[in-house]
Amino acid sequence: MKVSDIKDVNAQMIQQYQRSESVAQPAGNSPGQATVKPEEKVDLSTRAREIQQAKVEIARLPDVREEKVQEIKSQVDNGTYNVSGEQIANKMVGESIIDLFA
């Protein structure tokens, strides 16, 4: 799951909740009767809370993994950095497939 997908999941959950609230009518109300709009409320599911917590944890992570950058930089400087074309192709195809299902 991409970080940007987390926002989409929250939005989808909120929209689903809003749709279910707008469909539900209190018992005893007929279409001709005036209805009293209930108070607006937010009811976060356990899943929504977990997603929110994941967002907070992700925000705490550094944008750049400095130790990994330094490791690769030293390999490039020493001339020992080598990635096969097959590895690159496998990653590209794998990410493309994941994007299709996301």
PDB file of N, CA and C in Angstrom:
ATOM      1  N   MET A   1       0.838  -1.171   0.000  1.00  0.00           N
ATOM      2  CA  MET A   1       0.000   0.000   0.000  1.00  0.00           C
ATOM      3  C   MET A   1       0.880   1.228   0.000  1.00  0.00           C
ATOM      4  N   LYS A   2       0.538   2.143  -0.810  1.00  0.00           N
ATOM      5  CA  LYS A   2       1.292   3.386  -0.879  1.00  0.00           C
ATOM      6  C   LYS A   2       0.813   4.325   0.219  1.00  0.00           C
ATOM      7  N   VAL A   3       1.650   5.259   0.614  1.00  0.00           N
ATOM      8  CA  VAL A   3       1.286   6.249   1.604  1.00  0.00           C
ATOM      9  C   VAL A   3       0.115   7.071   1.106  1.00  0.00           C
ATOM     10  N   SER A   4       0.116   7.439  -0.153  1.00  0.00           N
ATOM     11  CA  SER A   4      -0.974   8.245  -0.684  1.00  0.00           C
ATOM     12  C   SER A   4      -2.299   7.505  -0.652  1.00  0.00           C
ATOM     13  N   ASP A   5      -2.278   6.181  -0.650  1.00  0.00           N
ATOM     14  CA  ASP A   5      -3.507   5.397  -0.597  1.00  0.00           C
ATOM     15  C   ASP A   5      -4.194   5.508   0.752  1.00  0.00           C
ATOM     16  N   ILE A   6      -3.470   5.802   1.782  1.00  0.00           N
ATOM     17  CA  ILE A   6      -4.067   5.891   3.103  1.00  0.00           C
ATOM     18  C   ILE A   6      -5.115   6.978   3.128  1.00  0.00           C
ATOM     19  N   LYS A   7      -4.839   8.117   2.528  1.00  0.00           N
ATOM     20  CA  LYS A   7      -5.821   9.191   2.462  1.00  0.00           C
ATOM     21  C   LYS A   7      -7.064   8.715   1.729  1.00  0.00           C
ATOM     22  N   ASP A   8      -6.866   7.991   0.634  1.00  0.00           N
ATOM     23  CA  ASP A   8      -7.990   7.504  -0.158  1.00  0.00           C
ATOM     24  C   ASP A   8      -8.854   6.545   0.638  1.00  0.00           C
ATOM     25  N   VAL A   9      -8.250   5.699   1.457  1.00  0.00           N
ATOM     26  CA  VAL A   9      -8.997   4.745   2.268  1.00  0.00           C
ATOM     27  C   VAL A   9      -9.837   5.483   3.291  1.00  0.00           C
ATOM     28  N   ASN A  10      -9.254   6.497   3.946  1.00  0.00           N
ATOM     29  CA  ASN A  10     -10.018   7.287   4.913  1.00  0.00           C
ATOM     30  C   ASN A  10     -11.193   7.974   4.236  1.00  0.00           C
ATOM     31  N   ALA A  11     -10.959   8.550   3.076  1.00  0.00           N
ATOM     32  CA  ALA A  11     -12.028   9.233   2.354  1.00  0.00           C
ATOM     33  C   ALA A  11     -13.124   8.253   1.965  1.00  0.00           C
ATOM     34  N   GLN A  12     -12.746   7.067   1.532  1.00  0.00           N
ATOM     35  CA  GLN A  12     -13.731   6.058   1.159  1.00  0.00           C
ATOM     36  C   GLN A  12     -14.563   5.637   2.360  1.00  0.00           C
ATOM     37  N   MET A  13     -13.934   5.467   3.503  1.00  0.00           N
ATOM     38  CA  MET A  13     -14.665   5.071   4.711  1.00  0.00           C
ATOM     39  C   MET A  13     -15.657   6.156   5.122  1.00  0.00           C
ATOM     40  N   ILE A  14     -15.240   7.396   5.028  1.00  0.00           N
ATOM     41  CA  ILE A  14     -16.123   8.511   5.391  1.00  0.00           C
ATOM     42  C   ILE A  14     -17.291   8.582   4.424  1.00  0.00           C
ATOM     43  N   GLN A  15     -17.016   8.444   3.129  1.00  0.00           N
ATOM     44  CA  GLN A  15     -18.092   8.480   2.143  1.00  0.00           C
ATOM     45  C   GLN A  15     -19.062   7.336   2.346  1.00  0.00           C
ATOM     46  N   GLN A  16     -18.560   6.152   2.636  1.00  0.00           N
ATOM     47  CA  GLN A  16     -19.431   5.001   2.869  1.00  0.00           C
ATOM     48  C   GLN A  16     -20.307   5.258   4.092  1.00  0.00           C
ATOM     49  N   TYR A  17     -19.742   5.812   5.140  1.00  0.00           N
ATOM     50  CA  TYR A  17     -20.501   6.124   6.343  1.00  0.00           C
ATOM     51  C   TYR A  17     -21.587   7.151   6.033  1.00  0.00           C
ATOM     52  N   GLN A  18     -21.233   8.183   5.277  1.00  0.00           N
ATOM     53  CA  GLN A  18     -22.208   9.212   4.938  1.00  0.00           C
ATOM     54  C   GLN A  18     -23.339   8.643   4.095  1.00  0.00           C
ATOM     55  N   ARG A  19     -23.026   7.759   3.156  1.00  0.00           N
ATOM     56  CA  ARG A  19     -24.064   7.142   2.334  1.00  0.00           C
ATOM     57  C   ARG A  19     -25.004   6.307   3.196  1.00  0.00           C
ATOM     58  N   SER A  20     -24.447   5.533   4.123  1.00  0.00           N
ATOM     59  CA  SER A  20     -25.298   4.678   4.954  1.00  0.00           C
ATOM     60  C   SER A  20     -26.170   5.518   5.877  1.00  0.00           C
ATOM     61  N   GLU A  21     -25.669   6.638   6.347  1.00  0.00           N
ATOM     62  CA  GLU A  21     -26.458   7.524   7.198  1.00  0.00           C
ATOM     63  C   GLU A  21     -27.582   8.196   6.415  1.00  0.00           C
ATOM     64  N   SER A  22     -27.320   8.557   5.155  1.00  0.00           N
ATOM     65  CA  SER A  22     -28.349   9.249   4.375  1.00  0.00           C
ATOM     66  C   SER A  22     -29.441   8.297   3.923  1.00  0.00           C
ATOM     67  N   VAL A  23     -29.140   6.998   3.807  1.00  0.00           N
ATOM     68  CA  VAL A  23     -30.129   6.008   3.389  1.00  0.00           C
ATOM     69  C   VAL A  23     -31.034   5.641   4.554  1.00  0.00           C
ATOM     70  N   ALA A  24     -30.485   5.548   5.743  1.00  0.00           N
ATOM     71  CA  ALA A  24     -31.256   5.124   6.910  1.00  0.00           C
ATOM     72  C   ALA A  24     -32.245   6.208   7.311  1.00  0.00           C
ATOM     73  N   GLN A  25     -33.526   5.796   7.523  1.00  0.00           N
ATOM     74  CA  GLN A  25     -34.549   6.714   8.006  1.00  0.00           C
ATOM     75  C   GLN A  25     -35.070   6.187   9.322  1.00  0.00           C
ATOM     76  N   PRO A  26     -35.385   7.067  10.266  1.00  0.00           N
ATOM     77  CA  PRO A  26     -35.935   6.606  11.533  1.00  0.00           C
ATOM     78  C   PRO A  26     -37.281   5.921  11.311  1.00  0.00           C
ATOM     79  N   ALA A  27     -37.595   4.898  12.128  1.00  0.00           N
ATOM     80  CA  ALA A  27     -38.856   4.179  12.009  1.00  0.00           C
ATOM     81  C   ALA A  27     -40.012   5.108  12.308  1.00  0.00           C
ATOM     82  N   GLY A  28     -41.111   4.948  11.575  1.00  0.00           N
ATOM     83  CA  GLY A  28     -42.297   5.759  11.800  1.00  0.00           C
ATOM     84  C   GLY A  28     -42.360   6.994  10.930  1.00  0.00           C
ATOM     85  N   ASN A  29     -41.320   7.323  10.245  1.00  0.00           N
ATOM     86  CA  ASN A  29     -41.339   8.485   9.361  1.00  0.00           C
ATOM     87  C   ASN A  29     -41.771   8.063   7.977  1.00  0.00           C
ATOM     88  N   SER A  30     -42.739   8.727   7.458  1.00  0.00           N
ATOM     89  CA  SER A  30     -43.126   8.472   6.078  1.00  0.00           C
ATOM     90  C   SER A  30     -42.524   9.564   5.216  1.00  0.00           C
ATOM     91  N   PRO A  31     -42.456   9.345   3.896  1.00  0.00           N
ATOM     92  CA  PRO A  31     -41.818  10.334   3.038  1.00  0.00           C
ATOM     93  C   PRO A  31     -42.446  11.725   3.134  1.00  0.00           C
ATOM     94  N   GLY A  32     -43.728  11.812   3.484  1.00  0.00           N
ATOM     95  CA  GLY A  32     -44.394  13.122   3.542  1.00  0.00           C
ATOM     96  C   GLY A  32     -44.132  13.865   4.829  1.00  0.00           C
ATOM     97  N   GLN A  33     -43.671  13.205   5.859  1.00  0.00           N
ATOM     98  CA  GLN A  33     -43.457  13.841   7.146  1.00  0.00           C
ATOM     99  C   GLN A  33     -42.124  14.580   7.164  1.00  0.00           C
ATOM    100  N   ALA A  34     -42.120  15.671   7.925  1.00  0.00           N
ATOM    101  CA  ALA A  34     -40.866  16.417   8.084  1.00  0.00           C
ATOM    102  C   ALA A  34     -39.949  15.607   8.990  1.00  0.00           C
ATOM    103  N   THR A  35     -38.690  15.564   8.639  1.00  0.00           N
ATOM    104  CA  THR A  35     -37.739  14.825   9.466  1.00  0.00           C
ATOM    105  C   THR A  35     -36.809  15.798  10.154  1.00  0.00           C
ATOM    106  N   VAL A  36     -36.412  15.426  11.341  1.00  0.00           N
ATOM    107  CA  VAL A  36     -35.456  16.226  12.095  1.00  0.00           C
ATOM    108  C   VAL A  36     -34.082  15.676  11.794  1.00  0.00           C
ATOM    109  N   LYS A  37     -33.208  16.541  11.374  1.00  0.00           N
ATOM    110  CA  LYS A  37     -31.851  16.112  11.040  1.00  0.00           C
ATOM    111  C   LYS A  37     -31.111  15.777  12.334  1.00  0.00           C
ATOM    112  N   PRO A  38     -30.565  14.556  12.416  1.00  0.00           N
ATOM    113  CA  PRO A  38     -29.835  14.187  13.636  1.00  0.00           C
ATOM    114  C   PRO A  38     -28.541  14.990  13.753  1.00  0.00           C
ATOM    115  N   GLU A  39     -28.034  15.016  14.961  1.00  0.00           N
ATOM    116  CA  GLU A  39     -26.761  15.704  15.167  1.00  0.00           C
ATOM    117  C   GLU A  39     -25.689  15.038  14.325  1.00  0.00           C
ATOM    118  N   GLU A  40     -24.787  15.834  13.817  1.00  0.00           N
ATOM    119  CA  GLU A  40     -23.673  15.258  13.065  1.00  0.00           C
ATOM    120  C   GLU A  40     -22.699  14.638  14.052  1.00  0.00           C
ATOM    121  N   LYS A  41     -22.213  13.451  13.703  1.00  0.00           N
ATOM    122  CA  LYS A  41     -21.259  12.787  14.571  1.00  0.00           C
ATOM    123  C   LYS A  41     -20.239  12.045  13.730  1.00  0.00           C
ATOM    124  N   VAL A  42     -19.127  11.761  14.344  1.00  0.00           N
ATOM    125  CA  VAL A  42     -18.083  10.993  13.694  1.00  0.00           C
ATOM    126  C   VAL A  42     -17.896   9.723  14.506  1.00  0.00           C
ATOM    127  N   ASP A  43     -18.008   8.586  13.825  1.00  0.00           N
ATOM    128  CA  ASP A  43     -17.835   7.310  14.485  1.00  0.00           C
ATOM    129  C   ASP A  43     -16.703   6.576  13.770  1.00  0.00           C
ATOM    130  N   LEU A  44     -15.520   6.612  14.375  1.00  0.00           N
ATOM    131  CA  LEU A  44     -14.366   5.982  13.746  1.00  0.00           C
ATOM    132  C   LEU A  44     -14.327   4.498  14.093  1.00  0.00           C
ATOM    133  N   SER A  45     -14.253   3.697  13.083  1.00  0.00           N
ATOM    134  CA  SER A  45     -14.133   2.264  13.294  1.00  0.00           C
ATOM    135  C   SER A  45     -12.723   1.934  13.766  1.00  0.00           C
ATOM    136  N   THR A  46     -12.573   0.721  14.215  1.00  0.00           N
ATOM    137  CA  THR A  46     -11.251   0.267  14.646  1.00  0.00           C
ATOM    138  C   THR A  46     -10.262   0.359  13.493  1.00  0.00           C
ATOM    139  N   ARG A  47     -10.721  -0.016  12.293  1.00  0.00           N
ATOM    140  CA  ARG A  47      -9.852   0.037  11.106  1.00  0.00           C
ATOM    141  C   ARG A  47      -9.421   1.471  10.814  1.00  0.00           C
ATOM    142  N   ALA A  48     -10.344   2.412  10.933  1.00  0.00           N
ATOM    143  CA  ALA A  48     -10.009   3.814  10.675  1.00  0.00           C
ATOM    144  C   ALA A  48      -8.987   4.321  11.692  1.00  0.00           C
ATOM    145  N   ARG A  49      -9.139   3.894  12.946  1.00  0.00           N
ATOM    146  CA  ARG A  49      -8.163   4.295  13.971  1.00  0.00           C
ATOM    147  C   ARG A  49      -6.783   3.713  13.662  1.00  0.00           C
ATOM    148  N   GLU A  50      -6.749   2.447  13.203  1.00  0.00           N
ATOM    149  CA  GLU A  50      -5.478   1.823  12.844  1.00  0.00           C
ATOM    150  C   GLU A  50      -4.821   2.558  11.678  1.00  0.00           C
ATOM    151  N   ILE A  51      -5.621   2.954  10.719  1.00  0.00           N
ATOM    152  CA  ILE A  51      -5.096   3.694   9.564  1.00  0.00           C
ATOM    153  C   ILE A  51      -4.545   5.037  10.014  1.00  0.00           C
ATOM    154  N   GLN A  52      -5.267   5.699  10.898  1.00  0.00           N
ATOM    155  CA  GLN A  52      -4.804   6.994  11.404  1.00  0.00           C
ATOM    156  C   GLN A  52      -3.486   6.827  12.151  1.00  0.00           C
ATOM    157  N   GLN A  53      -3.374   5.774  12.971  1.00  0.00           N
ATOM    158  CA  GLN A  53      -2.131   5.524  13.710  1.00  0.00           C
ATOM    159  C   GLN A  53      -0.983   5.231  12.747  1.00  0.00           C
ATOM    160  N   ALA A  54      -1.267   4.473  11.680  1.00  0.00           N
ATOM    161  CA  ALA A  54      -0.236   4.183  10.683  1.00  0.00           C
ATOM    162  C   ALA A  54       0.234   5.472  10.019  1.00  0.00           C
ATOM    163  N   LYS A  55      -0.696   6.370   9.734  1.00  0.00           N
ATOM    164  CA  LYS A  55      -0.325   7.662   9.139  1.00  0.00           C
ATOM    165  C   LYS A  55       0.623   8.431  10.047  1.00  0.00           C
ATOM    166  N   VAL A  56       0.334   8.423  11.339  1.00  0.00           N
ATOM    167  CA  VAL A  56       1.184   9.131  12.302  1.00  0.00           C
ATOM    168  C   VAL A  56       2.584   8.518  12.326  1.00  0.00           C
ATOM    169  N   GLU A  57       2.646   7.182  12.350  1.00  0.00           N
ATOM    170  CA  GLU A  57       3.942   6.497  12.381  1.00  0.00           C
ATOM    171  C   GLU A  57       4.734   6.754  11.103  1.00  0.00           C
ATOM    172  N   ILE A  58       4.078   6.744   9.965  1.00  0.00           N
ATOM    173  CA  ILE A  58       4.753   6.999   8.691  1.00  0.00           C
ATOM    174  C   ILE A  58       5.288   8.423   8.646  1.00  0.00           C
ATOM    175  N   ALA A  59       4.530   9.367   9.191  1.00  0.00           N
ATOM    176  CA  ALA A  59       4.970  10.762   9.197  1.00  0.00           C
ATOM    177  C   ALA A  59       6.251  10.935  10.021  1.00  0.00           C
ATOM    178  N   ARG A  60       6.472  10.053  10.997  1.00  0.00           N
ATOM    179  CA  ARG A  60       7.667  10.143  11.841  1.00  0.00           C
ATOM    180  C   ARG A  60       8.923   9.612  11.144  1.00  0.00           C
ATOM    181  N   LEU A  61       8.738   8.807  10.115  1.00  0.00           N
ATOM    182  CA  LEU A  61       9.891   8.224   9.424  1.00  0.00           C
ATOM    183  C   LEU A  61      10.632   9.283   8.610  1.00  0.00           C
ATOM    184  N   PRO A  62      11.947   9.160   8.523  1.00  0.00           N
ATOM    185  CA  PRO A  62      12.705  10.118   7.706  1.00  0.00           C
ATOM    186  C   PRO A  62      12.425   9.888   6.220  1.00  0.00           C
ATOM    187  N   ASP A  63      12.502  10.954   5.440  1.00  0.00           N
ATOM    188  CA  ASP A  63      12.284  10.860   3.997  1.00  0.00           C
ATOM    189  C   ASP A  63      13.411  10.097   3.309  1.00  0.00           C
ATOM    190  N   VAL A  64      14.610  10.182   3.864  1.00  0.00           N
ATOM    191  CA  VAL A  64      15.781   9.556   3.248  1.00  0.00           C
ATOM    192  C   VAL A  64      16.439   8.649   4.284  1.00  0.00           C
ATOM    193  N   ARG A  65      16.727   7.434   3.872  1.00  0.00           N
ATOM    194  CA  ARG A  65      17.454   6.493   4.742  1.00  0.00           C
ATOM    195  C   ARG A  65      18.945   6.726   4.533  1.00  0.00           C
ATOM    196  N   GLU A  66      19.513   7.585   5.361  1.00  0.00           N
ATOM    197  CA  GLU A  66      20.897   8.026   5.202  1.00  0.00           C
ATOM    198  C   GLU A  66      21.888   6.867   5.198  1.00  0.00           C
ATOM    199  N   GLU A  67      21.676   5.859   6.052  1.00  0.00           N
ATOM    200  CA  GLU A  67      22.629   4.748   6.099  1.00  0.00           C
ATOM    201  C   GLU A  67      22.643   3.988   4.776  1.00  0.00           C
ATOM    202  N   LYS A  68      21.489   3.835   4.148  1.00  0.00           N
ATOM    203  CA  LYS A  68      21.412   3.150   2.852  1.00  0.00           C
ATOM    204  C   LYS A  68      22.081   4.000   1.765  1.00  0.00           C
ATOM    205  N   VAL A  69      21.856   5.290   1.801  1.00  0.00           N
ATOM    206  CA  VAL A  69      22.466   6.197   0.814  1.00  0.00           C
ATOM    207  C   VAL A  69      23.988   6.140   0.924  1.00  0.00           C
ATOM    208  N   GLN A  70      24.506   6.174   2.152  1.00  0.00           N
ATOM    209  CA  GLN A  70      25.954   6.144   2.352  1.00  0.00           C
ATOM    210  C   GLN A  70      26.542   4.808   1.888  1.00  0.00           C
ATOM    211  N   GLU A  71      25.835   3.715   2.153  1.00  0.00           N
ATOM    212  CA  GLU A  71      26.305   2.396   1.730  1.00  0.00           C
ATOM    213  C   GLU A  71      26.419   2.326   0.204  1.00  0.00           C
ATOM    214  N   ILE A  72      25.392   2.767  -0.494  1.00  0.00           N
ATOM    215  CA  ILE A  72      25.411   2.720  -1.965  1.00  0.00           C
ATOM    216  C   ILE A  72      26.441   3.696  -2.524  1.00  0.00           C
ATOM    217  N   LYS A  73      26.542   4.858  -1.894  1.00  0.00           N
ATOM    218  CA  LYS A  73      27.521   5.856  -2.355  1.00  0.00           C
ATOM    219  C   LYS A  73      28.943   5.299  -2.258  1.00  0.00           C
ATOM    220  N   SER A  74      29.246   4.621  -1.165  1.00  0.00           N
ATOM    221  CA  SER A  74      30.603   4.068  -1.027  1.00  0.00           C
ATOM    222  C   SER A  74      30.837   2.953  -2.045  1.00  0.00           C
ATOM    223  N   GLN A  75      29.798   2.155  -2.347  1.00  0.00           N
ATOM    224  CA  GLN A  75      29.942   1.113  -3.363  1.00  0.00           C
ATOM    225  C   GLN A  75      30.188   1.734  -4.744  1.00  0.00           C
ATOM    226  N   VAL A  76      29.478   2.807  -5.054  1.00  0.00           N
ATOM    227  CA  VAL A  76      29.680   3.484  -6.338  1.00  0.00           C
ATOM    228  C   VAL A  76      31.088   4.058  -6.407  1.00  0.00           C
ATOM    229  N   ASP A  77      31.528   4.711  -5.319  1.00  0.00           N
ATOM    230  CA  ASP A  77      32.873   5.290  -5.274  1.00  0.00           C
ATOM    231  C   ASP A  77      33.959   4.225  -5.427  1.00  0.00           C
ATOM    232  N   ASN A  78      33.717   3.048  -4.859  1.00  0.00           N
ATOM    233  CA  ASN A  78      34.708   1.953  -4.936  1.00  0.00           C
ATOM    234  C   ASN A  78      34.589   1.146  -6.218  1.00  0.00           C
ATOM    235  N   GLY A  79      33.545   1.399  -7.000  1.00  0.00           N
ATOM    236  CA  GLY A  79      33.342   0.653  -8.225  1.00  0.00           C
ATOM    237  C   GLY A  79      32.774  -0.747  -7.998  1.00  0.00           C
ATOM    238  N   THR A  80      32.205  -0.971  -6.821  1.00  0.00           N
ATOM    239  CA  THR A  80      31.664  -2.295  -6.505  1.00  0.00           C
ATOM    240  C   THR A  80      30.147  -2.361  -6.595  1.00  0.00           C
ATOM    241  N   TYR A  81      29.503  -1.259  -6.925  1.00  0.00           N
ATOM    242  CA  TYR A  81      28.040  -1.245  -7.034  1.00  0.00           C
ATOM    243  C   TYR A  81      27.633  -1.862  -8.361  1.00  0.00           C
ATOM    244  N   ASN A  82      26.830  -2.926  -8.295  1.00  0.00           N
ATOM    245  CA  ASN A  82      26.424  -3.608  -9.502  1.00  0.00           C
ATOM    246  C   ASN A  82      25.012  -4.158  -9.314  1.00  0.00           C
ATOM    247  N   VAL A  83      24.125  -3.810 -10.220  1.00  0.00           N
ATOM    248  CA  VAL A  83      22.765  -4.335 -10.225  1.00  0.00           C
ATOM    249  C   VAL A  83      22.526  -4.915 -11.603  1.00  0.00           C
ATOM    250  N   SER A  84      22.004  -6.128 -11.635  1.00  0.00           N
ATOM    251  CA  SER A  84      21.781  -6.765 -12.928  1.00  0.00           C
ATOM    252  C   SER A  84      20.536  -6.194 -13.601  1.00  0.00           C
ATOM    253  N   GLY A  85      20.543  -6.233 -14.898  1.00  0.00           N
ATOM    254  CA  GLY A  85      19.383  -5.781 -15.667  1.00  0.00           C
ATOM    255  C   GLY A  85      18.154  -6.610 -15.347  1.00  0.00           C
ATOM    256  N   GLU A  86      18.370  -7.880 -15.035  1.00  0.00           N
ATOM    257  CA  GLU A  86      17.247  -8.761 -14.690  1.00  0.00           C
ATOM    258  C   GLU A  86      16.572  -8.307 -13.397  1.00  0.00           C
ATOM    259  N   GLN A  87      17.369  -7.888 -12.411  1.00  0.00           N
ATOM    260  CA  GLN A  87      16.802  -7.390 -11.158  1.00  0.00           C
ATOM    261  C   GLN A  87      15.977  -6.123 -11.405  1.00  0.00           C
ATOM    262  N   ILE A  88      16.497  -5.242 -12.226  1.00  0.00           N
ATOM    263  CA  ILE A  88      15.776  -4.005 -12.538  1.00  0.00           C
ATOM    264  C   ILE A  88      14.468  -4.318 -13.249  1.00  0.00           C
ATOM    265  N   ALA A  89      14.514  -5.207 -14.238  1.00  0.00           N
ATOM    266  CA  ALA A  89      13.305  -5.579 -14.978  1.00  0.00           C
ATOM    267  C   ALA A  89      12.273  -6.220 -14.057  1.00  0.00           C
ATOM    268  N   ASN A  90      12.706  -7.101 -13.159  1.00  0.00           N
ATOM    269  CA  ASN A  90      11.781  -7.744 -12.227  1.00  0.00           C
ATOM    270  C   ASN A  90      11.088  -6.720 -11.324  1.00  0.00           C
ATOM    271  N   LYS A  91      11.829  -5.756 -10.837  1.00  0.00           N
ATOM    272  CA  LYS A  91      11.242  -4.707 -10.000  1.00  0.00           C
ATOM    273  C   LYS A  91      10.230  -3.878 -10.786  1.00  0.00           C
ATOM    274  N   MET A  92      10.578  -3.505 -12.003  1.00  0.00           N
ATOM    275  CA  MET A  92       9.689  -2.691 -12.835  1.00  0.00           C
ATOM    276  C   MET A  92       8.390  -3.437 -13.124  1.00  0.00           C
ATOM    277  N   VAL A  93       8.490  -4.699 -13.489  1.00  0.00           N
ATOM    278  CA  VAL A  93       7.298  -5.496 -13.792  1.00  0.00           C
ATOM    279  C   VAL A  93       6.470  -5.699 -12.527  1.00  0.00           C
ATOM    280  N   GLY A  94       7.132  -5.997 -11.425  1.00  0.00           N
ATOM    281  CA  GLY A  94       6.428  -6.197 -10.155  1.00  0.00           C
ATOM    282  C   GLY A  94       5.653  -4.966  -9.725  1.00  0.00           C
ATOM    283  N   GLU A  95       6.268  -3.799  -9.828  1.00  0.00           N
ATOM    284  CA  GLU A  95       5.593  -2.562  -9.439  1.00  0.00           C
ATOM    285  C   GLU A  95       4.446  -2.245 -10.385  1.00  0.00           C
ATOM    286  N   SER A  96       4.600  -2.545 -11.670  1.00  0.00           N
ATOM    287  CA  SER A  96       3.529  -2.320 -12.629  1.00  0.00           C
ATOM    288  C   SER A  96       2.321  -3.181 -12.302  1.00  0.00           C
ATOM    289  N   ILE A  97       2.566  -4.429 -11.931  1.00  0.00           N
ATOM    290  CA  ILE A  97       1.467  -5.332 -11.575  1.00  0.00           C
ATOM    291  C   ILE A  97       0.762  -4.845 -10.314  1.00  0.00           C
ATOM    292  N   ILE A  98       1.527  -4.412  -9.330  1.00  0.00           N
ATOM    293  CA  ILE A  98       0.941  -3.894  -8.089  1.00  0.00           C
ATOM    294  C   ILE A  98       0.092  -2.670  -8.393  1.00  0.00           C
ATOM    295  N   ASP A  99       0.559  -1.784  -9.264  1.00  0.00           N
ATOM    296  CA  ASP A  99      -0.204  -0.582  -9.619  1.00  0.00           C
ATOM    297  C   ASP A  99      -1.512  -0.940 -10.302  1.00  0.00           C
ATOM    298  N   LEU A 100      -1.547  -2.026 -11.061  1.00  0.00           N
ATOM    299  CA  LEU A 100      -2.784  -2.438 -11.717  1.00  0.00           C
ATOM    300  C   LEU A 100      -3.851  -2.847 -10.718  1.00  0.00           C
ATOM    301  N   PHE A 101      -3.437  -3.465  -9.624  1.00  0.00           N
ATOM    302  CA  PHE A 101      -4.383  -3.948  -8.630  1.00  0.00           C
ATOM    303  C   PHE A 101      -4.668  -2.914  -7.545  1.00  0.00           C
ATOM    304  N   ALA A 102      -3.914  -1.854  -7.487  1.00  0.00           N
ATOM    305  CA  ALA A 102      -4.119  -0.848  -6.444  1.00  0.00           C
ATOM    306  C   ALA A 102      -5.268   0.074  -6.768  1.00  0.00           C
TER     307      ALA A 102
END
